[in-house]
Amino acid sequence: MIKCEYVDDLAEVLDQMLNNCARITEKIEQLYTRAKEKGLLKASQSPAELATDTHLFFIGLLHMWVKDTQGCRFRNQATELVKTHISLRRQ
C-alpha cells in the first residue's frame, strides 16, 4: 500500500506502521551507537542517520525481494548487498 490508501479507517494502520518503523530505527541506532563507541564507525558518521539509512535500505530490499519471485535479480544478491551496506559504514 502507498500512503494515499491509508485514509479513514486505515489512518490508524498508517500511524501504527510509522510508530513501528520509528522503534526499529531506534534499535538500529542503538547498535550503531555501540559500534561508534567501539571505534568501528567513521567519526563523521551519525548513528541516527545511519540507522535511518539502514532501515530504509532494508525496507527497499524487502520490497524488491517480494517482487523477485524468480530469485534472479535481488534475492540471489541479498547477502552480498547487506554485507556491502554494512562494510561501507565501517572504519
N, C-alpha and C. Protein backbone atom coordinates (compact mmCIF):
# COMPACT_ATOMS: atom_id res chain seq x y z
N MET A 1 0.83 -1.18 0.00
CA MET A 1 0.00 0.00 0.00
C MET A 1 0.88 1.25 0.00
N ILE A 2 0.35 2.28 -0.58
CA ILE A 2 1.05 3.55 -0.53
C ILE A 2 0.25 4.51 0.33
N LYS A 3 0.87 5.60 0.73
CA LYS A 3 0.29 6.50 1.72
C LYS A 3 -1.14 6.92 1.39
N CYS A 4 -1.45 7.21 0.15
CA CYS A 4 -2.78 7.72 -0.19
C CYS A 4 -3.87 6.68 0.08
N GLU A 5 -3.50 5.43 0.28
CA GLU A 5 -4.50 4.40 0.56
C GLU A 5 -4.83 4.32 2.05
N TYR A 6 -4.08 5.03 2.89
CA TYR A 6 -4.30 5.00 4.33
C TYR A 6 -5.16 6.19 4.77
N VAL A 7 -6.42 6.15 4.42
CA VAL A 7 -7.35 7.20 4.82
C VAL A 7 -8.49 6.57 5.61
N ASP A 8 -9.22 7.42 6.28
CA ASP A 8 -10.38 6.99 7.06
C ASP A 8 -10.01 5.86 8.03
N ASP A 9 -10.57 4.67 7.85
CA ASP A 9 -10.34 3.56 8.77
C ASP A 9 -8.89 3.10 8.79
N LEU A 10 -8.19 3.29 7.69
CA LEU A 10 -6.80 2.82 7.62
C LEU A 10 -5.79 3.85 8.12
N ALA A 11 -6.24 5.03 8.49
CA ALA A 11 -5.33 6.05 9.01
C ALA A 11 -4.61 5.55 10.26
N GLU A 12 -5.31 4.81 11.09
CA GLU A 12 -4.71 4.26 12.31
C GLU A 12 -3.62 3.24 11.96
N VAL A 13 -3.83 2.48 10.90
CA VAL A 13 -2.84 1.50 10.46
C VAL A 13 -1.56 2.21 10.04
N LEU A 14 -1.68 3.31 9.32
CA LEU A 14 -0.51 4.08 8.91
C LEU A 14 0.25 4.57 10.13
N ASP A 15 -0.47 5.08 11.11
CA ASP A 15 0.16 5.57 12.33
C ASP A 15 0.89 4.44 13.04
N GLN A 16 0.30 3.27 13.12
CA GLN A 16 0.94 2.11 13.75
C GLN A 16 2.21 1.71 12.99
N MET A 17 2.13 1.72 11.68
CA MET A 17 3.29 1.36 10.86
C MET A 17 4.43 2.34 11.09
N LEU A 18 4.11 3.64 11.10
CA LEU A 18 5.15 4.65 11.32
C LEU A 18 5.76 4.52 12.71
N ASN A 19 4.94 4.21 13.70
CA ASN A 19 5.47 4.00 15.06
C ASN A 19 6.38 2.78 15.11
N ASN A 20 5.99 1.70 14.43
CA ASN A 20 6.84 0.51 14.38
C ASN A 20 8.17 0.83 13.70
N CYS A 21 8.10 1.57 12.62
CA CYS A 21 9.32 1.96 11.91
C CYS A 21 10.24 2.79 12.80
N ALA A 22 9.65 3.70 13.57
CA ALA A 22 10.43 4.53 14.48
C ALA A 22 11.12 3.66 15.54
N ARG A 23 10.41 2.67 16.06
CA ARG A 23 11.01 1.78 17.07
C ARG A 23 12.15 0.96 16.48
N ILE A 24 11.96 0.47 15.28
CA ILE A 24 13.02 -0.30 14.61
C ILE A 24 14.24 0.58 14.39
N THR A 25 14.01 1.79 13.91
CA THR A 25 15.12 2.72 13.67
C THR A 25 15.86 3.03 14.97
N GLU A 26 15.12 3.19 16.06
CA GLU A 26 15.75 3.44 17.36
C GLU A 26 16.65 2.28 17.78
N LYS A 27 16.20 1.06 17.54
CA LYS A 27 17.01 -0.11 17.90
C LYS A 27 18.28 -0.18 17.03
N ILE A 28 18.13 0.11 15.76
CA ILE A 28 19.30 0.12 14.87
C ILE A 28 20.26 1.23 15.31
N GLU A 29 19.71 2.37 15.70
CA GLU A 29 20.56 3.48 16.17
C GLU A 29 21.37 3.05 17.40
N GLN A 30 20.75 2.30 18.29
CA GLN A 30 21.48 1.80 19.47
C GLN A 30 22.66 0.94 19.04
N LEU A 31 22.46 0.11 18.03
CA LEU A 31 23.55 -0.74 17.54
C LEU A 31 24.67 0.11 16.95
N TYR A 32 24.30 1.10 16.16
CA TYR A 32 25.32 1.98 15.57
C TYR A 32 26.02 2.81 16.65
N THR A 33 25.31 3.19 17.69
CA THR A 33 25.94 3.94 18.79
C THR A 33 27.00 3.08 19.47
N ARG A 34 26.67 1.83 19.72
CA ARG A 34 27.66 0.91 20.32
C ARG A 34 28.84 0.71 19.39
N ALA A 35 28.57 0.57 18.11
CA ALA A 35 29.66 0.40 17.14
C ALA A 35 30.57 1.63 17.12
N LYS A 36 29.97 2.80 17.21
CA LYS A 36 30.75 4.04 17.21
C LYS A 36 31.61 4.12 18.47
N GLU A 37 31.02 3.75 19.62
CA GLU A 37 31.76 3.76 20.89
C GLU A 37 32.95 2.81 20.84
N LYS A 38 32.84 1.74 20.06
CA LYS A 38 33.94 0.77 19.92
C LYS A 38 34.93 1.18 18.83
N GLY A 39 34.67 2.31 18.18
CA GLY A 39 35.57 2.80 17.14
C GLY A 39 35.42 2.08 15.81
N LEU A 40 34.27 1.47 15.58
CA LEU A 40 34.05 0.71 14.35
C LEU A 40 33.48 1.55 13.21
N LEU A 41 33.03 2.77 13.55
CA LEU A 41 32.46 3.65 12.53
C LEU A 41 33.37 4.84 12.30
N LYS A 42 33.21 5.45 11.16
CA LYS A 42 33.94 6.69 10.88
C LYS A 42 33.43 7.76 11.83
N ALA A 43 34.34 8.62 12.29
CA ALA A 43 33.99 9.65 13.27
C ALA A 43 32.89 10.59 12.76
N SER A 44 32.85 10.81 11.48
CA SER A 44 31.88 11.75 10.90
C SER A 44 30.47 11.16 10.77
N GLN A 45 30.32 9.88 11.04
CA GLN A 45 29.02 9.24 10.84
C GLN A 45 28.13 9.37 12.07
N SER A 46 26.89 9.72 11.84
CA SER A 46 25.90 9.87 12.90
C SER A 46 25.11 8.56 13.04
N PRO A 47 25.09 7.98 14.24
CA PRO A 47 24.30 6.76 14.43
C PRO A 47 22.83 6.93 14.03
N ALA A 48 22.25 8.09 14.28
CA ALA A 48 20.84 8.31 13.93
C ALA A 48 20.66 8.30 12.41
N GLU A 49 21.55 8.96 11.69
CA GLU A 49 21.43 8.98 10.23
C GLU A 49 21.71 7.61 9.64
N LEU A 50 22.70 6.92 10.18
CA LEU A 50 22.99 5.56 9.70
C LEU A 50 21.82 4.62 9.95
N ALA A 51 21.16 4.79 11.09
CA ALA A 51 20.02 3.93 11.41
C ALA A 51 18.88 4.15 10.43
N THR A 52 18.60 5.39 10.12
CA THR A 52 17.54 5.69 9.15
C THR A 52 17.91 5.13 7.79
N ASP A 53 19.15 5.34 7.38
CA ASP A 53 19.63 4.84 6.10
C ASP A 53 19.52 3.31 6.03
N THR A 54 19.94 2.63 7.07
CA THR A 54 19.89 1.17 7.10
C THR A 54 18.45 0.67 7.09
N HIS A 55 17.60 1.32 7.87
CA HIS A 55 16.20 0.90 7.90
C HIS A 55 15.58 1.04 6.51
N LEU A 56 15.80 2.16 5.86
CA LEU A 56 15.26 2.37 4.51
C LEU A 56 15.87 1.39 3.51
N PHE A 57 17.15 1.08 3.67
CA PHE A 57 17.80 0.09 2.82
C PHE A 57 17.08 -1.26 2.93
N PHE A 58 16.82 -1.69 4.16
CA PHE A 58 16.16 -2.98 4.36
C PHE A 58 14.72 -2.97 3.86
N ILE A 59 14.03 -1.84 4.04
CA ILE A 59 12.67 -1.75 3.50
C ILE A 59 12.70 -1.92 1.98
N GLY A 60 13.62 -1.24 1.34
CA GLY A 60 13.73 -1.35 -0.12
C GLY A 60 14.12 -2.74 -0.56
N LEU A 61 15.07 -3.34 0.15
CA LEU A 61 15.50 -4.69 -0.21
C LEU A 61 14.35 -5.68 -0.04
N LEU A 62 13.62 -5.56 1.06
CA LEU A 62 12.47 -6.45 1.28
C LEU A 62 11.40 -6.23 0.22
N HIS A 63 11.16 -4.99 -0.12
CA HIS A 63 10.17 -4.67 -1.15
C HIS A 63 10.53 -5.35 -2.48
N MET A 64 11.79 -5.28 -2.86
CA MET A 64 12.22 -5.89 -4.11
C MET A 64 12.32 -7.40 -3.99
N TRP A 65 12.65 -7.90 -2.81
CA TRP A 65 12.71 -9.35 -2.56
C TRP A 65 11.35 -9.99 -2.86
N VAL A 66 10.30 -9.34 -2.37
CA VAL A 66 8.94 -9.86 -2.58
C VAL A 66 8.60 -9.89 -4.07
N LYS A 67 9.03 -8.89 -4.81
CA LYS A 67 8.73 -8.83 -6.24
C LYS A 67 9.57 -9.80 -7.06
N ASP A 68 10.74 -10.15 -6.55
CA ASP A 68 11.68 -11.02 -7.29
C ASP A 68 11.33 -12.49 -7.04
N THR A 69 10.19 -12.91 -7.56
CA THR A 69 9.71 -14.27 -7.29
C THR A 69 10.60 -15.34 -7.90
N GLN A 70 11.34 -15.02 -8.93
CA GLN A 70 12.25 -15.97 -9.56
C GLN A 70 13.61 -16.02 -8.85
N GLY A 71 13.87 -15.04 -8.00
CA GLY A 71 15.12 -15.02 -7.25
C GLY A 71 16.35 -14.71 -8.08
N CYS A 72 16.16 -14.05 -9.21
CA CYS A 72 17.31 -13.83 -10.10
C CYS A 72 17.80 -12.39 -10.15
N ARG A 73 17.13 -11.47 -9.49
CA ARG A 73 17.57 -10.08 -9.54
C ARG A 73 18.02 -9.53 -8.19
N PHE A 74 17.33 -9.88 -7.13
CA PHE A 74 17.67 -9.33 -5.82
C PHE A 74 17.88 -10.41 -4.77
N ARG A 75 17.03 -11.42 -4.76
CA ARG A 75 17.16 -12.46 -3.74
C ARG A 75 18.52 -13.12 -3.78
N ASN A 76 19.01 -13.38 -4.97
CA ASN A 76 20.29 -14.07 -5.07
C ASN A 76 21.47 -13.17 -4.70
N GLN A 77 21.24 -11.87 -4.58
CA GLN A 77 22.30 -10.94 -4.21
C GLN A 77 22.14 -10.38 -2.80
N ALA A 78 21.07 -10.75 -2.12
CA ALA A 78 20.72 -10.11 -0.84
C ALA A 78 21.86 -10.17 0.17
N THR A 79 22.48 -11.30 0.33
CA THR A 79 23.56 -11.42 1.32
C THR A 79 24.70 -10.47 1.00
N GLU A 80 25.10 -10.42 -0.25
CA GLU A 80 26.19 -9.53 -0.64
C GLU A 80 25.79 -8.06 -0.52
N LEU A 81 24.55 -7.75 -0.84
CA LEU A 81 24.08 -6.37 -0.71
C LEU A 81 24.12 -5.92 0.75
N VAL A 82 23.71 -6.79 1.66
CA VAL A 82 23.75 -6.45 3.08
C VAL A 82 25.19 -6.29 3.54
N LYS A 83 26.07 -7.20 3.15
CA LYS A 83 27.49 -7.10 3.53
C LYS A 83 28.09 -5.80 3.03
N THR A 84 27.79 -5.44 1.80
CA THR A 84 28.31 -4.19 1.24
C THR A 84 27.76 -2.99 1.99
N HIS A 85 26.48 -3.01 2.27
CA HIS A 85 25.85 -1.91 3.01
C HIS A 85 26.57 -1.70 4.35
N ILE A 86 26.81 -2.76 5.05
CA ILE A 86 27.48 -2.66 6.36
C ILE A 86 28.94 -2.26 6.21
N SER A 87 29.63 -2.83 5.26
CA SER A 87 31.06 -2.52 5.11
C SER A 87 31.30 -1.07 4.73
N LEU A 88 30.36 -0.45 4.06
CA LEU A 88 30.50 0.96 3.71
C LEU A 88 30.46 1.87 4.93
N ARG A 89 29.95 1.35 6.02
CA ARG A 89 29.85 2.13 7.25
C ARG A 89 31.04 1.93 8.19
N ARG A 90 31.81 0.92 7.94
CA ARG A 90 32.93 0.60 8.84
C ARG A 90 34.12 1.49 8.57
N GLN A 91 34.87 1.69 9.63
CA GLN A 91 36.09 2.49 9.54
C GLN A 91 37.17 1.75 8.79
